[in-house]
Amino acid sequence: MHQPPRSGLDIAMAVAGVIAIACSIQPVYAKRVPPQDMTPYVVRADDSLYTLADRYMQSPSDWRLLRDINHVANPRHLQVNAHLSMPTSRLRQTLLTAQVVAVRGSVEKLGAAGASATPVGAGTLLREGDEVSTGRDAFVSMTLPDGSHVVLPSSSRIQIGRLRTTLLTGAVDRQFDLKQGEVTTDVTPFKNPRDSFRVVTPSVVAGVRGTRFRVNYLAEQDATAVEVLAGKIGVDGAGPDGAGNSTAAPLPVPGGAQTLVLAGYGNLTRTGEAAGASVRLLAPPDIVDPGKLQRAPQVSFDLTPVDGARAYRTEIATDADFLDLLRDERTTGLHAAFDNIPDGNYFVRVLATDTHGIDGLPQVFTFNRYTDTTNAAATPVKGDGYVFRWHVDSQAKGARYRFILSDHADLSAPYIDLLDVAGGEMTVANLPPGKYYWTIVVDTFENGRLLSIPSEIRSFTQTR
């Protein structure tokens, strides 16, 4: 069928219609590309796109990327003091290491896929991708190149997800993926605005900017508790992808706003939900008679109750920063006891746990641990007297033994108070009737100071 020739107006209208249809369907097929993060750079003498790509980018061929982004006509000649944009994702990075500074108990490292687990000791270097796990009553502390510390208590597992620095900016990127248990961090304040430090669990992504905080993944609740002791952190809820599938790294909850948690506060976030609201941390308990000498077979502490607490936590360490942990115990009652603590000087940290499982503020005390090795005993002899005997420790060089006998339970106004009694034995005769109290005090010198360690106060009753 013969078509009459179309006029210029008809052709223009047809073209416009095609363009309109194309525009109407474009949003269906167009992929929205997010803008790249750029790092600014000021050109210096002798710079070229070739030298910049070779020095700072992941590949020397990235000079073409720099040319296209910055619309450079001649890659060999750049104007000094001109400003360039360097795509941050393509900047060259250098891997860093963390060093283990203290280990207690069974701690293992799992490296690349397929590698067998190896024991971790003080001085072990850990790298990006390494996974570290602690056994029961085991602890490990590591230090990062900037002086930050990461402490992993017992029955915990963590993987170093990121530990690297960007060559151009010096920015340090650190990420620790907590897979089980708990981690405590003490992060050195950032000097570079591009520095980052994150702790990631199945429930949250916690980003910090120079602070001290704890993260505890509560597997039985499928939730994460965060407690901030100094500074502040931002907490984003995380979980599987939108289809409910697990991913290599938890994804932020869609539409979930970040919760800012300040010092003295914490929050609880369940996997797949928005970050929980901040709650004030419970005040710490006190220890009843914290200065008492720990000389019994068990080291024990009695705590004072805290309103709103469902449990209490008691930790023992050899240092005030609790990088070298010895024990960590949770109790529902107010009494905590520990076996097999060697003699020495220690720190004890106590805190209360609220009904959500969020640990409260800590309080730290010092204590001395010296077991009673005197094995003292009193045996009656003829003449209304007693012979007192005790063990003399041949390994305790310079130790001196003091004998005290009194009719007061607090050993005041003693009948006898003798210094430097040799031989581990003495006899007392002609005691009048009454109740008597006695002890052996071991005097030793430690670090240039006199340390007096009394044995248990014993008693007996003279009836004749």
Protein backbone atom coordinates (compact mmCIF):
# COMPACT_ATOMS: atom_id res chain seq x y z
CA MET A 1 0.00 0.00 0.00
CA HIS A 2 1.40 3.36 -1.03
CA GLN A 3 2.21 5.72 1.86
CA PRO A 4 2.20 9.46 1.16
CA PRO A 5 5.48 11.22 1.95
CA ARG A 6 5.69 12.43 5.57
CA SER A 7 6.15 16.05 6.33
CA GLY A 8 9.01 17.44 8.44
CA LEU A 9 6.55 18.05 11.28
CA ASP A 10 5.42 14.40 11.23
CA ILE A 11 9.01 13.19 11.38
CA ALA A 12 9.83 15.53 14.25
CA MET A 13 6.78 14.36 16.18
CA ALA A 14 7.71 10.71 15.61
CA VAL A 15 11.28 11.28 16.82
CA ALA A 16 9.97 13.07 19.89
CA GLY A 17 7.68 10.15 20.61
CA VAL A 18 10.54 7.69 20.40
CA ILE A 19 12.63 9.86 22.74
CA ALA A 20 9.70 10.13 25.15
CA ILE A 21 9.25 6.34 25.17
CA ALA A 22 12.98 5.85 25.71
CA CYS A 23 12.95 8.32 28.59
CA SER A 24 9.91 6.66 30.12
CA ILE A 25 11.55 3.22 30.18
CA GLN A 26 15.04 4.41 31.15
CA PRO A 27 14.52 4.19 34.95
CA VAL A 28 13.62 0.51 34.57
CA TYR A 29 16.97 -0.39 33.01
CA ALA A 30 19.34 2.30 34.29
CA LYS A 31 21.59 1.25 37.17
CA ARG A 32 22.21 3.91 39.77
CA VAL A 33 25.97 4.15 40.33
CA PRO A 34 26.91 5.72 43.68
CA PRO A 35 29.53 8.46 43.54
CA GLN A 36 33.05 7.33 44.33
CA ASP A 37 34.76 8.45 47.51
CA MET A 38 37.67 10.66 46.53
CA THR A 39 40.86 11.55 48.35
CA PRO A 40 42.25 15.01 47.49
CA TYR A 41 45.86 15.40 46.39
CA VAL A 42 47.91 18.55 45.77
CA VAL A 43 50.38 18.23 42.91
CA ARG A 44 54.06 18.62 43.75
CA ALA A 45 57.04 19.27 41.55
CA ASP A 46 58.03 16.34 39.30
CA ASP A 47 54.62 14.68 39.73
CA SER A 48 52.98 13.04 36.75
CA LEU A 49 50.00 10.74 36.46
CA TYR A 50 52.47 7.92 35.78
CA THR A 51 54.48 8.52 38.97
CA LEU A 52 51.33 9.04 41.07
CA ALA A 53 49.78 5.81 39.84
CA ASP A 54 53.01 3.91 40.40
CA ARG A 55 53.48 5.34 43.90
CA TYR A 56 49.97 5.50 45.37
CA MET A 57 47.57 3.42 43.28
CA GLN A 58 46.99 -0.32 43.19
CA SER A 59 48.23 -0.60 39.60
CA PRO A 60 50.54 1.55 37.47
CA SER A 61 47.87 1.43 34.76
CA ASP A 62 45.55 3.42 37.06
CA TRP A 63 47.06 6.57 35.50
CA ARG A 64 44.28 6.28 32.93
CA LEU A 65 41.68 6.35 35.71
CA LEU A 66 43.31 9.47 37.16
CA ARG A 67 43.35 11.07 33.72
CA ASP A 68 39.65 10.45 33.12
CA ILE A 69 38.53 11.55 36.58
CA ASN A 70 40.56 14.74 36.56
CA HIS A 71 40.27 15.52 32.80
CA VAL A 72 44.03 15.81 32.38
CA ALA A 73 45.16 16.56 28.86
CA ASN A 74 48.83 15.63 29.26
CA PRO A 75 49.54 12.94 31.88
CA ARG A 76 53.25 13.82 31.89
CA HIS A 77 52.82 17.48 32.76
CA LEU A 78 50.81 18.55 35.82
CA GLN A 79 50.54 22.04 37.22
CA VAL A 80 52.25 22.36 40.63
CA ASN A 81 49.72 22.97 43.47
CA ALA A 82 46.86 21.81 41.27
CA HIS A 83 44.22 19.71 43.07
CA LEU A 84 43.56 16.16 41.91
CA SER A 85 40.93 13.65 43.01
CA MET A 86 42.22 10.14 43.77
CA PRO A 87 39.59 7.35 43.98
CA THR A 88 39.93 6.07 47.56
CA SER A 89 38.96 2.51 46.67
CA ARG A 90 41.94 2.23 44.33
CA LEU A 91 44.59 3.64 46.68
CA ARG A 92 47.42 1.28 47.57
CA GLN A 93 47.32 -0.17 51.07
CA THR A 94 49.89 -1.92 53.27
CA LEU A 95 48.96 -4.77 55.60
CA LEU A 96 49.76 -4.33 59.31
CA THR A 97 50.22 -6.80 62.15
CA ALA A 98 48.95 -7.10 65.72
CA GLN A 99 51.26 -8.51 68.38
CA VAL A 100 50.16 -10.77 71.20
CA VAL A 101 51.37 -9.34 74.53
CA ALA A 102 49.82 -11.74 77.05
CA VAL A 103 48.36 -15.24 76.95
CA ARG A 104 46.77 -17.45 79.58
CA GLY A 105 45.54 -20.96 78.94
CA SER A 106 44.72 -22.51 75.57
CA VAL A 107 44.67 -19.93 72.75
CA GLU A 108 44.79 -20.95 69.08
CA LYS A 109 45.16 -19.19 65.74
CA LEU A 110 43.57 -20.32 62.50
CA GLY A 111 45.14 -18.70 59.44
CA ALA A 112 44.21 -19.06 55.78
CA ALA A 113 41.50 -21.48 54.68
CA GLY A 114 42.58 -25.05 55.17
CA ALA A 115 45.40 -24.19 57.58
CA SER A 116 45.55 -26.14 60.82
CA ALA A 117 45.20 -24.39 64.16
CA THR A 118 48.44 -23.36 65.89
CA PRO A 119 49.00 -22.30 69.51
CA VAL A 120 49.35 -18.60 70.25
CA GLY A 121 52.03 -17.30 72.61
CA ALA A 122 53.35 -13.94 73.73
CA GLY A 123 55.06 -12.27 70.77
CA THR A 124 52.94 -14.02 68.11
CA LEU A 125 52.16 -11.73 65.17
CA LEU A 126 48.59 -11.74 63.88
CA ARG A 127 47.57 -10.60 60.42
CA GLU A 128 44.47 -9.76 58.48
CA GLY A 129 42.40 -12.91 58.04
CA ASP A 130 43.73 -14.67 61.13
CA GLU A 131 41.13 -16.08 63.49
CA VAL A 132 41.90 -16.40 67.20
CA SER A 133 39.96 -18.47 69.73
CA THR A 134 40.28 -18.87 73.49
CA GLY A 135 39.42 -21.96 75.51
CA ARG A 136 37.81 -22.16 78.91
CA ASP A 137 39.63 -19.96 81.46
CA ALA A 138 41.92 -18.75 78.67
CA PHE A 139 42.65 -15.14 77.70
CA VAL A 140 44.70 -13.28 75.11
CA SER A 141 45.66 -9.62 74.71
CA MET A 142 47.05 -8.04 71.58
CA THR A 143 48.40 -4.59 70.80
CA LEU A 144 48.07 -2.76 67.47
CA PRO A 145 50.71 -0.53 65.86
CA ASP A 146 49.05 2.66 67.19
CA GLY A 147 49.02 1.37 70.79
CA SER A 148 45.38 0.26 70.83
CA HIS A 149 44.64 -2.94 72.75
CA VAL A 150 42.23 -5.79 72.05
CA VAL A 151 41.51 -8.31 74.81
CA LEU A 152 39.70 -11.58 74.18
CA PRO A 153 38.41 -13.35 77.32
CA SER A 154 37.64 -17.05 77.69
CA SER A 155 35.43 -19.02 75.28
CA SER A 156 35.58 -16.30 72.61
CA ARG A 157 36.48 -16.24 68.91
CA ILE A 158 37.42 -13.30 66.71
CA GLN A 159 38.74 -12.77 63.19
CA ILE A 160 40.85 -9.85 62.03
CA GLY A 161 38.76 -8.62 59.12
CA ARG A 162 40.82 -5.53 58.23
CA LEU A 163 44.22 -4.40 59.48
CA ARG A 164 45.88 -2.11 56.95
CA THR A 165 47.01 1.43 56.25
CA THR A 166 46.61 3.56 53.12
CA LEU A 167 49.98 4.67 51.76
CA LEU A 168 48.89 8.10 50.52
CA THR A 169 46.94 9.28 53.57
CA GLY A 170 48.35 7.16 56.39
CA ALA A 171 44.76 6.28 57.37
CA VAL A 172 44.46 3.02 59.33
CA ASP A 173 41.53 0.66 58.75
CA ARG A 174 40.85 -1.91 61.49
CA GLN A 175 37.95 -4.32 61.69
CA PHE A 176 37.47 -7.23 64.09
CA ASP A 177 34.71 -9.74 63.41
CA LEU A 178 33.47 -11.18 66.72
CA LYS A 179 32.07 -14.64 66.05
CA GLN A 180 31.67 -15.88 69.61
CA GLY A 181 31.91 -14.51 73.13
CA GLU A 182 33.25 -11.08 73.98
CA VAL A 183 35.97 -8.57 73.14
CA THR A 184 37.19 -5.55 75.09
CA THR A 185 39.01 -2.77 73.26
CA ASP A 186 40.98 0.28 74.33
CA VAL A 187 41.34 2.36 71.16
CA THR A 188 43.95 5.09 70.92
CA PRO A 189 42.29 8.38 69.84
CA PHE A 190 42.43 8.85 66.08
CA LYS A 191 44.95 11.28 64.61
CA ASN A 192 43.72 10.92 61.03
CA PRO A 193 40.10 11.80 60.12
CA ARG A 194 40.05 8.80 57.78
CA ASP A 195 41.06 6.29 60.48
CA SER A 196 38.46 3.66 61.30
CA PHE A 197 37.98 0.97 63.94
CA ARG A 198 35.01 -1.39 63.85
CA VAL A 199 33.82 -4.42 65.77
CA VAL A 200 31.33 -6.47 63.77
CA THR A 201 29.05 -9.20 65.15
CA PRO A 202 26.06 -10.95 63.56
CA SER A 203 23.91 -8.24 65.22
CA VAL A 204 25.81 -4.96 65.01
CA VAL A 205 28.53 -2.91 63.39
CA ALA A 206 30.12 -0.80 66.14
CA GLY A 207 32.32 2.02 64.87
CA VAL A 208 34.50 3.98 67.26
CA ARG A 209 36.66 7.07 67.30
CA GLY A 210 39.06 6.64 70.20
CA THR A 211 37.33 5.00 73.13
CA ARG A 212 37.21 2.07 75.55
CA PHE A 213 34.31 -0.32 75.12
CA ARG A 214 33.16 -3.94 75.30
CA VAL A 215 31.18 -5.97 72.78
CA ASN A 216 29.54 -9.25 73.83
CA TYR A 217 27.72 -11.45 71.32
CA LEU A 218 25.02 -13.29 73.29
CA ALA A 219 24.48 -16.35 71.11
CA GLU A 220 21.58 -17.70 73.19
CA GLN A 221 19.68 -14.44 72.56
CA ASP A 222 21.09 -13.87 69.03
CA ALA A 223 21.85 -10.36 70.21
CA THR A 224 24.84 -8.15 70.94
CA ALA A 225 25.46 -6.11 74.08
CA VAL A 226 27.68 -3.04 73.78
CA GLU A 227 29.03 -1.13 76.80
CA VAL A 228 30.98 2.14 76.48
CA LEU A 229 33.41 2.96 79.28
CA ALA A 230 35.06 6.02 77.71
CA GLY A 231 34.40 8.12 74.59
CA LYS A 232 31.48 7.22 72.33
CA ILE A 233 30.62 4.79 69.54
CA GLY A 234 28.05 4.52 66.77
CA VAL A 235 26.08 1.26 66.65
CA ASP A 236 24.25 0.08 63.52
CA GLY A 237 21.90 -2.89 63.59
CA ALA A 238 22.99 -5.69 61.26
CA GLY A 239 21.84 -9.08 60.08
CA PRO A 240 21.37 -11.32 57.00
CA ASP A 241 20.48 -9.87 53.61
CA GLY A 242 16.96 -8.81 52.75
CA ALA A 243 16.05 -12.34 51.63
CA GLY A 244 17.11 -13.81 54.95
CA ASN A 245 20.33 -15.30 53.57
CA SER A 246 23.49 -15.19 55.62
CA THR A 247 26.37 -13.22 54.12
CA ALA A 248 30.13 -13.11 54.64
CA ALA A 249 29.66 -9.86 56.56
CA PRO A 250 26.43 -8.77 58.26
CA LEU A 251 24.52 -6.08 56.38
CA PRO A 252 23.09 -2.92 57.97
CA VAL A 253 19.39 -3.14 58.75
CA PRO A 254 17.47 -1.24 56.02
CA GLY A 255 16.17 2.06 57.36
CA GLY A 256 17.78 1.51 60.74
CA ALA A 257 19.19 4.68 62.23
CA GLN A 258 22.55 4.57 63.96
CA THR A 259 22.46 4.74 67.75
CA LEU A 260 25.13 6.90 69.37
CA VAL A 261 26.22 5.32 72.66
CA LEU A 262 28.05 7.61 75.08
CA ALA A 263 30.37 6.76 77.96
CA GLY A 264 28.49 5.22 80.88
CA TYR A 265 25.79 3.78 78.60
CA GLY A 266 25.22 0.59 76.65
CA ASN A 267 22.65 -1.03 74.40
CA LEU A 268 21.33 -4.41 73.29
CA THR A 269 20.64 -5.13 69.62
CA ARG A 270 19.04 -8.28 68.24
CA THR A 271 20.19 -9.68 64.92
CA GLY A 272 18.16 -8.29 62.03
CA GLU A 273 16.69 -5.43 64.06
CA ALA A 274 17.55 -1.75 64.33
CA ALA A 275 20.12 -0.77 66.96
CA GLY A 276 18.69 -0.81 70.47
CA ALA A 277 18.20 2.29 72.58
CA SER A 278 20.90 3.44 74.98
CA VAL A 279 20.55 2.49 78.65
CA ARG A 280 22.60 3.69 81.58
CA LEU A 281 25.16 1.18 82.83
CA LEU A 282 24.71 -0.13 86.36
CA ALA A 283 26.93 1.24 89.09
CA PRO A 284 29.68 -1.15 90.22
CA PRO A 285 29.42 -3.21 93.40
CA ASP A 286 31.85 -2.81 96.27
CA ILE A 287 33.95 -5.57 97.80
CA VAL A 288 33.46 -6.30 101.48
CA ASP A 289 36.87 -5.84 103.15
CA PRO A 290 38.82 -5.46 99.88
CA GLY A 291 42.15 -5.07 101.68
CA LYS A 292 42.09 -8.40 103.48
CA LEU A 293 45.05 -10.68 102.90
CA GLN A 294 44.00 -13.61 100.71
CA ARG A 295 45.64 -16.57 102.48
CA ALA A 296 42.94 -19.25 102.36
CA PRO A 297 43.16 -22.11 99.81
CA GLN A 298 40.63 -20.20 97.68
CA VAL A 299 40.82 -16.51 96.79
CA SER A 300 37.34 -15.20 97.50
CA PHE A 301 35.42 -11.93 97.44
CA ASP A 302 32.07 -10.92 98.87
CA LEU A 303 30.28 -8.22 96.87
CA THR A 304 27.68 -5.66 97.88
CA PRO A 305 24.31 -5.82 96.03
CA VAL A 306 23.45 -3.43 93.18
CA ASP A 307 19.85 -2.47 92.39
CA GLY A 308 18.73 -3.88 89.03
CA ALA A 309 21.49 -6.50 88.80
CA ARG A 310 20.72 -10.08 87.80
CA ALA A 311 24.36 -11.25 87.98
CA TYR A 312 27.86 -10.14 88.90
CA ARG A 313 31.24 -10.47 87.24
CA THR A 314 34.62 -10.74 88.97
CA GLU A 315 37.94 -10.66 87.10
CA ILE A 316 41.52 -11.06 88.35
CA ALA A 317 44.58 -9.72 86.50
CA THR A 318 48.25 -9.07 87.13
CA ASP A 319 48.02 -5.51 85.72
CA ALA A 320 45.74 -2.53 86.29
CA ASP A 321 44.70 -2.40 82.60
CA PHE A 322 43.57 -6.06 82.70
CA LEU A 323 45.62 -7.01 79.66
CA ASP A 324 47.01 -10.04 81.50
CA LEU A 325 43.84 -11.71 82.77
CA LEU A 326 43.98 -14.68 85.12
CA ARG A 327 40.34 -15.39 85.95
CA ASP A 328 36.90 -14.23 84.86
CA GLU A 329 33.81 -15.50 86.66
CA ARG A 330 30.11 -14.65 86.49
CA THR A 331 27.88 -15.42 89.48
CA THR A 332 24.23 -14.88 90.28
CA GLY A 333 25.14 -14.52 93.95
CA LEU A 334 27.39 -12.09 95.77
CA HIS A 335 30.25 -14.51 96.46
CA ALA A 336 33.04 -15.26 93.97
CA ALA A 337 35.79 -17.80 94.66
CA PHE A 338 38.85 -18.85 92.65
CA ASP A 339 41.16 -21.86 92.91
CA ASN A 340 44.85 -22.09 92.07
CA ILE A 341 45.84 -18.43 92.35
CA PRO A 342 49.62 -18.27 93.01
CA ASP A 343 51.05 -16.01 95.68
CA GLY A 344 51.57 -12.43 94.56
CA ASN A 345 50.02 -9.00 94.16
CA TYR A 346 46.93 -8.69 91.93
CA PHE A 347 44.08 -6.51 90.71
CA VAL A 348 40.42 -7.50 90.95
CA ARG A 349 37.69 -5.89 88.82
CA VAL A 350 34.02 -6.21 89.73
CA LEU A 351 30.85 -5.15 87.91
CA ALA A 352 27.12 -5.86 87.84
CA THR A 353 25.09 -7.21 84.89
CA ASP A 354 21.56 -5.92 84.29
CA THR A 355 18.46 -7.86 83.24
CA HIS A 356 19.28 -7.36 79.52
CA GLY A 357 22.72 -8.93 79.88
CA ILE A 358 24.54 -5.59 79.66
CA ASP A 359 27.61 -5.36 81.90
CA GLY A 360 27.84 -2.26 84.07
CA LEU A 361 30.64 0.07 85.08
CA PRO A 362 33.71 -1.61 86.59
CA GLN A 363 35.52 -0.95 89.85
CA VAL A 364 39.12 -2.08 90.43
CA PHE A 365 40.83 -3.02 93.70
CA THR A 366 44.26 -4.38 94.57
CA PHE A 367 44.81 -7.41 96.77
CA ASN A 368 47.66 -9.55 98.06
CA ARG A 369 47.65 -13.31 97.84
CA TYR A 370 49.87 -15.29 100.23
CA THR A 371 48.89 -18.78 101.30
CA ASP A 372 49.53 -19.90 104.85
CA THR A 373 52.38 -22.43 104.66
CA THR A 374 53.26 -22.40 108.35
CA ASN A 375 51.07 -25.42 109.23
CA ALA A 376 51.14 -24.18 112.82
CA ALA A 377 49.97 -26.40 115.68
CA ALA A 378 49.92 -26.30 119.49
CA THR A 379 50.41 -29.40 121.66
CA PRO A 380 49.93 -29.45 125.47
CA VAL A 381 52.90 -30.49 127.61
CA LYS A 382 53.48 -31.11 131.31
CA GLY A 383 53.49 -28.09 133.58
CA ASP A 384 50.36 -26.43 132.22
CA GLY A 385 52.24 -25.44 129.10
CA TYR A 386 52.18 -25.86 125.33
CA VAL A 387 54.71 -26.41 122.61
CA PHE A 388 54.05 -24.41 119.45
CA ARG A 389 55.43 -25.66 116.16
CA TRP A 390 55.33 -24.32 112.59
CA HIS A 391 56.89 -25.03 109.22
CA VAL A 392 59.99 -23.04 108.25
CA ASP A 393 60.08 -22.51 104.48
CA SER A 394 63.66 -23.11 103.35
CA GLN A 395 62.85 -21.56 99.97
CA ALA A 396 61.81 -18.23 101.51
CA LYS A 397 65.21 -16.59 101.79
CA GLY A 398 65.51 -14.05 104.58
CA ALA A 399 62.13 -14.94 106.12
CA ARG A 400 61.78 -14.30 109.87
CA TYR A 401 59.13 -15.74 112.15
CA ARG A 402 57.32 -13.82 114.87
CA PHE A 403 55.30 -15.51 117.64
CA ILE A 404 52.30 -13.71 119.22
CA LEU A 405 50.17 -15.02 122.11
CA SER A 406 47.27 -13.06 123.65
CA ASP A 407 44.03 -13.54 125.56
CA HIS A 408 42.30 -11.14 123.10
CA ALA A 409 40.89 -12.33 119.79
CA ASP A 410 42.48 -9.38 118.00
CA LEU A 411 45.87 -10.23 119.56
CA SER A 412 45.99 -6.91 121.39
CA ALA A 413 47.89 -6.61 124.69
CA PRO A 414 49.82 -9.83 124.01
CA TYR A 415 51.32 -11.98 126.72
CA ILE A 416 54.15 -12.84 124.36
CA ASP A 417 55.37 -11.05 121.22
CA LEU A 418 58.72 -12.42 120.13
CA LEU A 419 60.57 -11.42 116.97
CA ASP A 420 62.88 -13.62 114.93
CA VAL A 421 62.06 -16.95 116.55
CA ALA A 422 64.34 -19.58 115.06
CA GLY A 423 63.86 -23.30 114.66
CA GLY A 424 60.11 -23.34 114.04
CA GLU A 425 59.29 -24.22 117.67
CA MET A 426 58.89 -22.70 121.10
CA THR A 427 57.42 -23.77 124.48
CA VAL A 428 55.28 -21.71 126.86
CA ALA A 429 54.67 -23.03 130.43
CA ASN A 430 52.65 -22.10 133.53
CA LEU A 431 49.77 -20.44 131.67
CA PRO A 432 46.89 -19.43 133.96
CA PRO A 433 43.39 -20.71 133.05
CA GLY A 434 41.66 -18.89 130.23
CA LYS A 435 41.18 -18.71 126.47
CA TYR A 436 44.22 -17.84 124.37
CA TYR A 437 44.78 -16.72 120.79
CA TRP A 438 48.03 -17.07 118.89
CA THR A 439 49.59 -16.72 115.44
CA ILE A 440 52.85 -16.87 113.53
CA VAL A 441 53.75 -13.80 111.46
CA VAL A 442 56.18 -14.31 108.59
CA ASP A 443 58.25 -11.20 107.88
CA THR A 444 59.84 -11.00 104.43
CA PHE A 445 61.30 -8.25 102.29
CA GLU A 446 59.76 -7.74 98.86
CA ASN A 447 60.94 -5.03 96.47
CA GLY A 448 62.74 -3.27 99.29
CA ARG A 449 59.82 -3.15 101.73
CA LEU A 450 58.86 -5.24 104.73
CA LEU A 451 55.90 -7.53 104.18
CA SER A 452 54.33 -9.12 107.25
CA ILE A 453 52.09 -12.10 106.53
CA PRO A 454 50.16 -13.45 109.54
CA SER A 455 49.01 -17.04 109.61
CA GLU A 456 45.52 -17.98 110.69
CA ILE A 457 44.75 -16.92 114.28
CA ARG A 458 44.31 -20.07 116.31
CA SER A 459 42.91 -20.48 119.83
CA PHE A 460 42.83 -22.91 122.72
CA THR A 461 41.43 -22.92 126.29
CA GLN A 462 43.60 -23.59 129.32
CA THR A 463 41.36 -25.14 131.99
CA ARG A 464 43.76 -25.65 134.93
